[in-house]
């Protein structure tokens, strides 16, 4: 596997989405420094998410893998609750009280940027572990899903 190509395919979708939403904020664009900071915090939030997801997944043992609640617990508690909480924490802690956070679109932009930071490192980890096919697949599934959920949250 060509590592440079894999990393490029893993990173580009997140950057395209960040640029798209940043350009949508035409009235009062957000400071680029804060956008970069939120993105990097989103990127680094992948690591605590991984730790929390492993810890919480231990409770999955209560449910048998074939039990109907197993995938629901996995999706909504292990993944969604942890990941979305971390993204929201970043936006609330870093951007929400800034003077530049002065319109509804700002919440969307900051949440998407945090989400794309998270999705970027998550995507890199998946692609390096599983190859180029996963990069293409996630470019059209997981990355846009992180963006969509972040838009709703924002």
N, C-alpha and C. Protein backbone atom coordinates (compact mmCIF):
# COMPACT_ATOMS: atom_id res chain seq x y z
N UNK A 1 0.85 -1.18 0.00
CA UNK A 1 0.00 0.00 0.00
C UNK A 1 0.89 1.25 0.00
N UNK A 2 0.57 2.18 -0.86
CA UNK A 2 1.26 3.45 -0.93
C UNK A 2 0.77 4.32 0.23
N UNK A 3 1.63 4.56 1.22
CA UNK A 3 1.24 5.28 2.43
C UNK A 3 0.88 6.73 2.14
N UNK A 4 1.61 7.37 1.25
CA UNK A 4 1.31 8.78 0.91
C UNK A 4 -0.07 8.89 0.27
N UNK A 5 -0.37 7.99 -0.65
CA UNK A 5 -1.69 7.99 -1.29
C UNK A 5 -2.78 7.70 -0.26
N UNK A 6 -2.53 6.75 0.62
CA UNK A 6 -3.51 6.40 1.65
C UNK A 6 -3.78 7.59 2.57
N UNK A 7 -2.71 8.25 3.01
CA UNK A 7 -2.89 9.42 3.88
C UNK A 7 -3.61 10.55 3.16
N UNK A 8 -3.29 10.75 1.89
CA UNK A 8 -3.96 11.79 1.11
C UNK A 8 -5.45 11.50 0.99
N UNK A 9 -5.79 10.27 0.65
CA UNK A 9 -7.19 9.89 0.53
C UNK A 9 -7.92 9.93 1.88
N UNK A 10 -7.19 9.73 2.96
CA UNK A 10 -7.79 9.77 4.29
C UNK A 10 -8.07 11.20 4.75
N UNK A 11 -7.23 12.13 4.34
CA UNK A 11 -7.30 13.51 4.83
C UNK A 11 -8.18 14.41 3.98
N UNK A 12 -8.12 14.26 2.67
CA UNK A 12 -8.79 15.19 1.75
C UNK A 12 -10.30 15.35 2.00
N UNK A 13 -11.06 14.29 2.23
CA UNK A 13 -12.51 14.51 2.42
C UNK A 13 -12.83 15.46 3.58
N UNK A 14 -12.10 15.32 4.68
CA UNK A 14 -12.34 16.20 5.83
C UNK A 14 -12.03 17.65 5.48
N UNK A 15 -10.94 17.88 4.78
CA UNK A 15 -10.58 19.25 4.40
C UNK A 15 -11.58 19.85 3.42
N UNK A 16 -12.07 19.06 2.51
CA UNK A 16 -13.07 19.56 1.55
C UNK A 16 -14.32 20.03 2.29
N UNK A 17 -14.75 19.25 3.26
CA UNK A 17 -15.96 19.61 4.01
C UNK A 17 -15.70 20.85 4.87
N UNK A 18 -14.54 20.95 5.49
CA UNK A 18 -14.21 22.14 6.28
C UNK A 18 -14.23 23.38 5.39
N UNK A 19 -13.60 23.30 4.25
CA UNK A 19 -13.56 24.45 3.33
C UNK A 19 -14.97 24.81 2.87
N UNK A 20 -15.77 23.82 2.56
CA UNK A 20 -17.14 24.07 2.11
C UNK A 20 -17.93 24.86 3.17
N UNK A 21 -17.89 24.40 4.41
CA UNK A 21 -18.67 25.08 5.46
C UNK A 21 -18.05 26.41 5.85
N UNK A 22 -16.74 26.51 5.81
CA UNK A 22 -16.10 27.79 6.11
C UNK A 22 -16.52 28.85 5.08
N UNK A 23 -16.60 28.46 3.84
CA UNK A 23 -17.01 29.40 2.78
C UNK A 23 -18.50 29.74 2.85
N UNK A 24 -19.30 28.89 3.46
CA UNK A 24 -20.74 29.16 3.61
C UNK A 24 -20.99 30.29 4.62
N UNK A 25 -20.04 30.54 5.49
CA UNK A 25 -20.15 31.59 6.50
C UNK A 25 -19.67 32.91 5.91
N UNK A 26 -20.46 33.46 5.00
CA UNK A 26 -20.04 34.64 4.25
C UNK A 26 -20.23 35.94 5.02
N UNK A 27 -21.23 36.02 5.87
CA UNK A 27 -21.53 37.27 6.57
C UNK A 27 -20.38 37.70 7.47
N UNK A 28 -19.96 36.84 8.35
CA UNK A 28 -18.88 37.14 9.28
C UNK A 28 -17.99 35.91 9.42
N UNK A 29 -17.06 35.72 8.51
CA UNK A 29 -16.20 34.52 8.57
C UNK A 29 -15.44 34.43 9.90
N UNK A 30 -15.24 33.23 10.34
CA UNK A 30 -14.56 32.97 11.61
C UNK A 30 -13.05 33.13 11.45
N UNK A 31 -12.37 33.51 12.54
CA UNK A 31 -10.90 33.66 12.47
C UNK A 31 -10.23 32.34 12.12
N UNK A 32 -9.34 32.38 11.15
CA UNK A 32 -8.68 31.15 10.69
C UNK A 32 -7.88 30.48 11.79
N UNK A 33 -7.28 31.26 12.67
CA UNK A 33 -6.52 30.69 13.78
C UNK A 33 -7.40 29.85 14.69
N UNK A 34 -8.60 30.35 14.96
CA UNK A 34 -9.52 29.60 15.81
C UNK A 34 -10.04 28.36 15.09
N UNK A 35 -10.26 28.47 13.81
CA UNK A 35 -10.68 27.31 13.01
C UNK A 35 -9.61 26.23 13.07
N UNK A 36 -8.36 26.61 12.90
CA UNK A 36 -7.25 25.64 12.95
C UNK A 36 -7.17 25.01 14.34
N UNK A 37 -7.32 25.84 15.39
CA UNK A 37 -7.26 25.33 16.76
C UNK A 37 -8.38 24.31 17.02
N UNK A 38 -9.60 24.64 16.60
CA UNK A 38 -10.75 23.74 16.79
C UNK A 38 -10.51 22.43 16.01
N UNK A 39 -9.98 22.54 14.79
CA UNK A 39 -9.70 21.35 13.99
C UNK A 39 -8.69 20.45 14.71
N UNK A 40 -7.62 21.05 15.19
CA UNK A 40 -6.58 20.26 15.87
C UNK A 40 -7.10 19.63 17.16
N UNK A 41 -7.92 20.37 17.90
CA UNK A 41 -8.52 19.79 19.10
C UNK A 41 -9.46 18.63 18.74
N UNK A 42 -10.21 18.80 17.66
CA UNK A 42 -11.06 17.71 17.18
C UNK A 42 -10.22 16.51 16.79
N UNK A 43 -9.11 16.77 16.13
CA UNK A 43 -8.18 15.71 15.72
C UNK A 43 -7.67 14.95 16.95
N UNK A 44 -7.20 15.70 17.95
CA UNK A 44 -6.64 15.05 19.14
C UNK A 44 -7.71 14.43 20.04
N UNK A 45 -8.97 14.84 19.88
CA UNK A 45 -10.04 14.25 20.69
C UNK A 45 -10.31 12.79 20.29
N UNK A 46 -9.77 12.38 19.18
CA UNK A 46 -9.91 10.99 18.76
C UNK A 46 -9.25 10.06 19.77
N UNK A 47 -8.16 10.49 20.36
CA UNK A 47 -7.43 9.63 21.29
C UNK A 47 -8.20 9.39 22.59
N UNK A 48 -8.72 10.45 23.27
CA UNK A 48 -9.55 10.16 24.45
C UNK A 48 -10.82 9.39 24.09
N UNK A 49 -11.35 9.64 22.89
CA UNK A 49 -12.54 8.90 22.46
C UNK A 49 -12.24 7.41 22.38
N UNK A 50 -11.09 7.09 21.85
CA UNK A 50 -10.68 5.69 21.74
C UNK A 50 -10.60 5.04 23.13
N UNK A 51 -9.99 5.75 24.06
CA UNK A 51 -9.85 5.23 25.43
C UNK A 51 -11.23 5.07 26.08
N UNK A 52 -12.07 6.10 25.96
CA UNK A 52 -13.41 6.03 26.55
C UNK A 52 -14.26 4.93 25.91
N UNK A 53 -14.15 4.80 24.60
CA UNK A 53 -14.93 3.77 23.90
C UNK A 53 -14.51 2.37 24.33
N UNK A 54 -13.22 2.17 24.53
CA UNK A 54 -12.74 0.87 25.01
C UNK A 54 -13.25 0.62 26.42
N UNK A 55 -13.20 1.64 27.28
CA UNK A 55 -13.67 1.49 28.66
C UNK A 55 -15.17 1.21 28.70
N UNK A 56 -15.94 1.97 27.94
CA UNK A 56 -17.40 1.80 27.95
C UNK A 56 -17.79 0.47 27.30
N UNK A 57 -17.02 0.05 26.31
CA UNK A 57 -17.38 -1.19 25.62
C UNK A 57 -17.27 -2.40 26.54
N UNK A 58 -16.59 -2.24 27.66
CA UNK A 58 -16.53 -3.33 28.64
C UNK A 58 -17.93 -3.67 29.17
N UNK A 59 -18.79 -2.65 29.21
CA UNK A 59 -20.17 -2.88 29.66
C UNK A 59 -20.98 -3.67 28.64
N UNK A 60 -20.46 -3.72 27.41
CA UNK A 60 -21.10 -4.51 26.37
C UNK A 60 -21.15 -5.98 26.75
N UNK A 61 -20.21 -6.39 27.57
CA UNK A 61 -20.14 -7.79 27.99
C UNK A 61 -21.41 -8.27 28.67
N UNK A 62 -22.18 -7.32 29.23
CA UNK A 62 -23.45 -7.67 29.85
C UNK A 62 -24.40 -8.24 28.80
N UNK A 63 -24.30 -7.69 27.59
CA UNK A 63 -25.16 -8.13 26.49
C UNK A 63 -24.44 -9.18 25.65
N UNK A 64 -25.14 -10.16 25.25
CA UNK A 64 -24.56 -11.15 24.35
C UNK A 64 -24.45 -10.54 22.95
N UNK A 65 -23.41 -10.88 22.18
CA UNK A 65 -23.25 -10.31 20.84
C UNK A 65 -24.45 -10.52 19.92
N UNK A 66 -25.23 -11.53 20.14
CA UNK A 66 -26.39 -11.78 19.29
C UNK A 66 -27.66 -11.12 19.84
N UNK A 67 -27.57 -10.49 21.00
CA UNK A 67 -28.74 -9.82 21.59
C UNK A 67 -29.09 -8.57 20.78
N UNK A 68 -30.38 -8.28 20.65
CA UNK A 68 -30.83 -7.16 19.82
C UNK A 68 -30.30 -5.82 20.32
N UNK A 69 -30.03 -5.68 21.61
CA UNK A 69 -29.53 -4.42 22.15
C UNK A 69 -28.02 -4.21 21.95
N UNK A 70 -27.32 -5.26 21.59
CA UNK A 70 -25.87 -5.17 21.42
C UNK A 70 -25.46 -4.13 20.38
N UNK A 71 -25.98 -4.18 19.14
CA UNK A 71 -25.57 -3.16 18.17
C UNK A 71 -26.11 -1.77 18.50
N UNK A 72 -27.25 -1.70 19.17
CA UNK A 72 -27.80 -0.40 19.57
C UNK A 72 -26.89 0.23 20.61
N UNK A 73 -26.48 -0.54 21.61
CA UNK A 73 -25.56 -0.04 22.63
C UNK A 73 -24.24 0.39 21.99
N UNK A 74 -23.76 -0.43 21.08
CA UNK A 74 -22.51 -0.14 20.38
C UNK A 74 -22.58 1.18 19.61
N UNK A 75 -23.66 1.38 18.88
CA UNK A 75 -23.79 2.56 18.02
C UNK A 75 -24.10 3.83 18.80
N UNK A 76 -25.06 3.73 19.71
CA UNK A 76 -25.55 4.95 20.36
C UNK A 76 -24.82 5.32 21.63
N UNK A 77 -24.28 4.36 22.34
CA UNK A 77 -23.58 4.67 23.58
C UNK A 77 -22.08 4.68 23.37
N UNK A 78 -21.55 3.57 22.87
CA UNK A 78 -20.10 3.46 22.74
C UNK A 78 -19.57 4.48 21.73
N UNK A 79 -20.13 4.53 20.55
CA UNK A 79 -19.59 5.43 19.52
C UNK A 79 -20.20 6.83 19.60
N UNK A 80 -21.49 6.94 19.38
CA UNK A 80 -22.11 8.25 19.22
C UNK A 80 -22.01 9.12 20.46
N UNK A 81 -22.37 8.61 21.61
CA UNK A 81 -22.36 9.42 22.82
C UNK A 81 -20.97 9.95 23.13
N UNK A 82 -19.98 9.10 23.04
CA UNK A 82 -18.61 9.50 23.35
C UNK A 82 -18.10 10.51 22.32
N UNK A 83 -18.20 10.17 21.05
CA UNK A 83 -17.63 11.02 20.01
C UNK A 83 -18.31 12.38 19.93
N UNK A 84 -19.63 12.40 19.93
CA UNK A 84 -20.34 13.67 19.80
C UNK A 84 -20.18 14.52 21.05
N UNK A 85 -20.08 13.90 22.21
CA UNK A 85 -19.85 14.66 23.45
C UNK A 85 -18.50 15.37 23.42
N UNK A 86 -17.51 14.68 22.92
CA UNK A 86 -16.17 15.29 22.84
C UNK A 86 -16.15 16.46 21.86
N UNK A 87 -16.81 16.31 20.72
CA UNK A 87 -16.86 17.40 19.74
C UNK A 87 -17.59 18.61 20.33
N UNK A 88 -18.72 18.36 20.98
CA UNK A 88 -19.48 19.44 21.58
C UNK A 88 -18.68 20.11 22.69
N UNK A 89 -17.97 19.34 23.48
CA UNK A 89 -17.13 19.88 24.54
C UNK A 89 -16.11 20.87 23.97
N UNK A 90 -15.49 20.50 22.87
CA UNK A 90 -14.50 21.39 22.24
C UNK A 90 -15.14 22.71 21.83
N UNK A 91 -16.26 22.64 21.16
CA UNK A 91 -16.93 23.86 20.68
C UNK A 91 -17.37 24.72 21.87
N UNK A 92 -17.98 24.11 22.86
CA UNK A 92 -18.46 24.87 24.02
C UNK A 92 -17.30 25.45 24.82
N UNK A 93 -16.24 24.71 24.95
CA UNK A 93 -15.11 25.14 25.79
C UNK A 93 -14.23 26.19 25.10
N UNK A 94 -14.04 26.05 23.80
CA UNK A 94 -13.06 26.89 23.11
C UNK A 94 -13.69 28.04 22.32
N UNK A 95 -14.79 27.79 21.63
CA UNK A 95 -15.32 28.80 20.72
C UNK A 95 -16.56 29.53 21.23
N UNK A 96 -17.38 28.87 22.00
CA UNK A 96 -18.71 29.38 22.32
C UNK A 96 -18.70 30.76 22.98
N UNK A 97 -17.76 31.05 23.84
CA UNK A 97 -17.73 32.33 24.55
C UNK A 97 -16.90 33.41 23.85
N UNK A 98 -16.39 33.11 22.70
CA UNK A 98 -15.60 34.10 21.95
C UNK A 98 -16.53 35.14 21.34
N UNK A 99 -16.01 36.36 21.19
CA UNK A 99 -16.79 37.44 20.58
C UNK A 99 -17.18 37.12 19.14
N UNK A 100 -16.33 36.38 18.47
CA UNK A 100 -16.59 36.06 17.07
C UNK A 100 -17.72 35.02 16.91
N UNK A 101 -18.12 34.38 18.00
CA UNK A 101 -19.24 33.44 17.97
C UNK A 101 -20.51 34.28 18.14
N UNK A 102 -21.01 34.81 17.02
CA UNK A 102 -22.09 35.79 17.11
C UNK A 102 -23.27 35.54 16.17
N UNK A 103 -23.32 34.39 15.57
CA UNK A 103 -24.46 34.05 14.71
C UNK A 103 -24.65 32.54 14.68
N UNK A 104 -25.81 32.12 14.24
CA UNK A 104 -26.15 30.70 14.22
C UNK A 104 -25.17 29.90 13.37
N UNK A 105 -24.78 30.44 12.24
CA UNK A 105 -23.88 29.73 11.34
C UNK A 105 -22.55 29.40 12.02
N UNK A 106 -22.14 30.22 12.99
CA UNK A 106 -20.88 29.97 13.69
C UNK A 106 -20.89 28.64 14.42
N UNK A 107 -22.01 28.31 15.05
CA UNK A 107 -22.12 27.03 15.74
C UNK A 107 -21.95 25.87 14.78
N UNK A 108 -22.55 26.03 13.61
CA UNK A 108 -22.43 24.98 12.59
C UNK A 108 -20.99 24.86 12.12
N UNK A 109 -20.36 25.99 11.83
CA UNK A 109 -18.98 25.97 11.33
C UNK A 109 -18.05 25.33 12.36
N UNK A 110 -18.12 25.79 13.61
CA UNK A 110 -17.21 25.26 14.63
C UNK A 110 -17.47 23.77 14.90
N UNK A 111 -18.73 23.37 14.95
CA UNK A 111 -19.03 21.96 15.19
C UNK A 111 -18.54 21.09 14.03
N UNK A 112 -18.72 21.56 12.80
CA UNK A 112 -18.24 20.80 11.64
C UNK A 112 -16.71 20.72 11.66
N UNK A 113 -16.06 21.80 11.99
CA UNK A 113 -14.59 21.80 12.01
C UNK A 113 -14.09 20.82 13.08
N UNK A 114 -14.69 20.84 14.27
CA UNK A 114 -14.31 19.88 15.32
C UNK A 114 -14.59 18.45 14.85
N UNK A 115 -15.75 18.26 14.22
CA UNK A 115 -16.10 16.94 13.71
C UNK A 115 -15.17 16.45 12.64
N UNK A 116 -14.75 17.34 11.77
CA UNK A 116 -13.84 16.93 10.69
C UNK A 116 -12.44 16.68 11.22
N UNK A 117 -12.04 17.39 12.26
CA UNK A 117 -10.76 17.07 12.90
C UNK A 117 -10.80 15.66 13.46
N UNK A 118 -11.89 15.36 14.16
CA UNK A 118 -12.07 14.02 14.72
C UNK A 118 -12.08 12.98 13.60
N UNK A 119 -12.90 13.23 12.59
CA UNK A 119 -13.05 12.28 11.49
C UNK A 119 -11.75 12.09 10.73
N UNK A 120 -10.94 13.13 10.65
CA UNK A 120 -9.68 13.06 9.91
C UNK A 120 -8.73 12.04 10.55
N UNK A 121 -8.49 12.17 11.84
CA UNK A 121 -7.57 11.21 12.48
C UNK A 121 -8.18 9.81 12.54
N UNK A 122 -9.47 9.74 12.80
CA UNK A 122 -10.14 8.44 12.80
C UNK A 122 -9.98 7.77 11.43
N UNK A 123 -10.15 8.56 10.39
CA UNK A 123 -10.02 8.04 9.03
C UNK A 123 -8.58 7.59 8.74
N UNK A 124 -7.63 8.37 9.17
CA UNK A 124 -6.22 8.00 8.98
C UNK A 124 -5.95 6.64 9.64
N UNK A 125 -6.43 6.47 10.86
CA UNK A 125 -6.21 5.21 11.58
C UNK A 125 -6.86 4.03 10.86
N UNK A 126 -8.09 4.23 10.39
CA UNK A 126 -8.76 3.15 9.66
C UNK A 126 -8.04 2.84 8.35
N UNK A 127 -7.67 3.87 7.61
CA UNK A 127 -7.06 3.67 6.29
C UNK A 127 -5.69 3.02 6.41
N UNK A 128 -4.88 3.46 7.36
CA UNK A 128 -3.56 2.84 7.53
C UNK A 128 -3.69 1.38 7.96
N UNK A 129 -4.74 1.08 8.69
CA UNK A 129 -4.93 -0.30 9.15
C UNK A 129 -5.60 -1.20 8.13
N UNK A 130 -6.40 -0.61 7.23
CA UNK A 130 -7.22 -1.46 6.36
C UNK A 130 -7.09 -1.19 4.87
N UNK A 131 -6.39 -0.15 4.47
CA UNK A 131 -6.11 0.04 3.05
C UNK A 131 -6.93 1.07 2.31
N UNK A 132 -6.62 1.18 1.03
CA UNK A 132 -7.18 2.22 0.17
C UNK A 132 -8.67 2.07 -0.08
N UNK A 133 -9.16 0.86 -0.13
CA UNK A 133 -10.60 0.65 -0.35
C UNK A 133 -11.40 1.29 0.78
N UNK A 134 -10.89 1.18 2.00
CA UNK A 134 -11.55 1.79 3.16
C UNK A 134 -11.53 3.31 3.03
N UNK A 135 -10.46 3.87 2.49
CA UNK A 135 -10.37 5.32 2.30
C UNK A 135 -11.48 5.82 1.38
N UNK A 136 -11.68 5.12 0.29
CA UNK A 136 -12.72 5.51 -0.66
C UNK A 136 -14.10 5.32 -0.04
N UNK A 137 -14.31 4.20 0.61
CA UNK A 137 -15.60 3.92 1.23
C UNK A 137 -15.94 4.95 2.30
N UNK A 138 -15.00 5.24 3.17
CA UNK A 138 -15.24 6.20 4.26
C UNK A 138 -15.39 7.63 3.75
N UNK A 139 -14.81 7.94 2.61
CA UNK A 139 -14.95 9.28 2.03
C UNK A 139 -16.40 9.59 1.70
N UNK A 140 -17.18 8.55 1.41
CA UNK A 140 -18.58 8.74 1.03
C UNK A 140 -19.56 8.30 2.12
N UNK A 141 -19.05 7.78 3.23
CA UNK A 141 -19.95 7.31 4.29
C UNK A 141 -19.64 7.99 5.63
N UNK A 142 -18.59 7.57 6.28
CA UNK A 142 -18.29 8.03 7.63
C UNK A 142 -17.96 9.51 7.73
N UNK A 143 -17.17 10.01 6.81
CA UNK A 143 -16.78 11.42 6.88
C UNK A 143 -18.01 12.32 6.71
N UNK A 144 -18.84 12.12 5.68
CA UNK A 144 -20.05 12.94 5.57
C UNK A 144 -21.01 12.75 6.75
N UNK A 145 -21.03 11.55 7.33
CA UNK A 145 -21.89 11.32 8.50
C UNK A 145 -21.41 12.16 9.68
N UNK A 146 -20.11 12.19 9.93
CA UNK A 146 -19.57 13.04 11.00
C UNK A 146 -19.95 14.50 10.73
N UNK A 147 -19.87 14.92 9.49
CA UNK A 147 -20.23 16.30 9.14
C UNK A 147 -21.71 16.56 9.38
N UNK A 148 -22.56 15.64 8.95
CA UNK A 148 -24.01 15.83 9.10
C UNK A 148 -24.41 15.90 10.56
N UNK A 149 -23.87 15.03 11.38
CA UNK A 149 -24.18 15.05 12.81
C UNK A 149 -23.66 16.34 13.43
N UNK A 150 -22.50 16.79 13.01
CA UNK A 150 -21.94 18.03 13.53
C UNK A 150 -22.78 19.24 13.13
N UNK A 151 -23.32 19.23 11.93
CA UNK A 151 -24.19 20.32 11.50
C UNK A 151 -25.42 20.38 12.40
N UNK A 152 -26.02 19.24 12.66
CA UNK A 152 -27.19 19.20 13.54
C UNK A 152 -26.83 19.69 14.94
N UNK A 153 -25.70 19.24 15.44
CA UNK A 153 -25.26 19.64 16.77
C UNK A 153 -24.95 21.14 16.82
N UNK A 154 -24.33 21.64 15.75
CA UNK A 154 -23.96 23.06 15.69
C UNK A 154 -25.16 23.96 15.65
